[in-house]
Each structure stands twice: as C-alpha cells, then as structure tokens.
Amino acid sequence: MSETKAKRGRPPMPAARRKRNNIIFRARDSLKSQLEEVAGNNGRSLSEEVEFRLECSLMSPRERLILAWSQREPSTSLKITFPSGDVFHDGLRALADEIDSVLPEGDRQ
C-alpha cells in the first residue's frame, strides 16, 4: 500500500487572487549591496526596491517625471523660466498642469 505524503506549507493561491509573482535572478554582490542600501534609504524592502526600479524603467519619461514630482518633499519646488510663446515652454506648462492635476490639493503650486 502506498502512502501519499501531505505537502508542507500553505497551499498556493489561485492565480486570480495572487498579488505578486516570484521572479528569480542573479546579481553581483556589489549590485545587491547598492540595492539594499538604497532600499533602506527609501524605506522599502529589497524586493520592493527592485520592483519599483523595474516598473520605472518601463515608464515613459513623462510618467517618470510625474512620479518623481509627486514623491518630492513638499518644500521642494521647480521653477524654470522660458520666453513666452516658446514651444518648449508651452510643452512644459502643459506637463506642469498635468502634474498638478494628479497631486493632492495641498501640494499644488
């Protein structure tokens, strides 16, 4: 008579309920050390820092700028002056308006 051994640990969640997937990769000791240091400075776990950086690498420059602006210290400001009517200025103004639209009311300039 053969006995079936019970599996150890929690049974896996169905894919629809799973929030994260495991991705395993190799990294040099120096890269791991840098990521651990930066993760600590940012108040994230190593895993969260790697996930955040990978997500950022897949964002458009506009999305990265909006993210960076929304995570800045409230006292930080950015002031760039260009001649009125300049195409670059108009583009920056539109981007600044877009950034302001995603910020909480108290952070708007």
Foldseek 3Di string as FASTA:
>chain_A
DDDDDDDDDDDDDPPVPDDDDDDDDDDDPVVLVVLCVVCVVVVHHSVVSVVVVVVLVPDDPLVNVLVPLQPDDLVDDDDDDDDPPDPVVVVVVVSLVVSQVPHDPVSRD
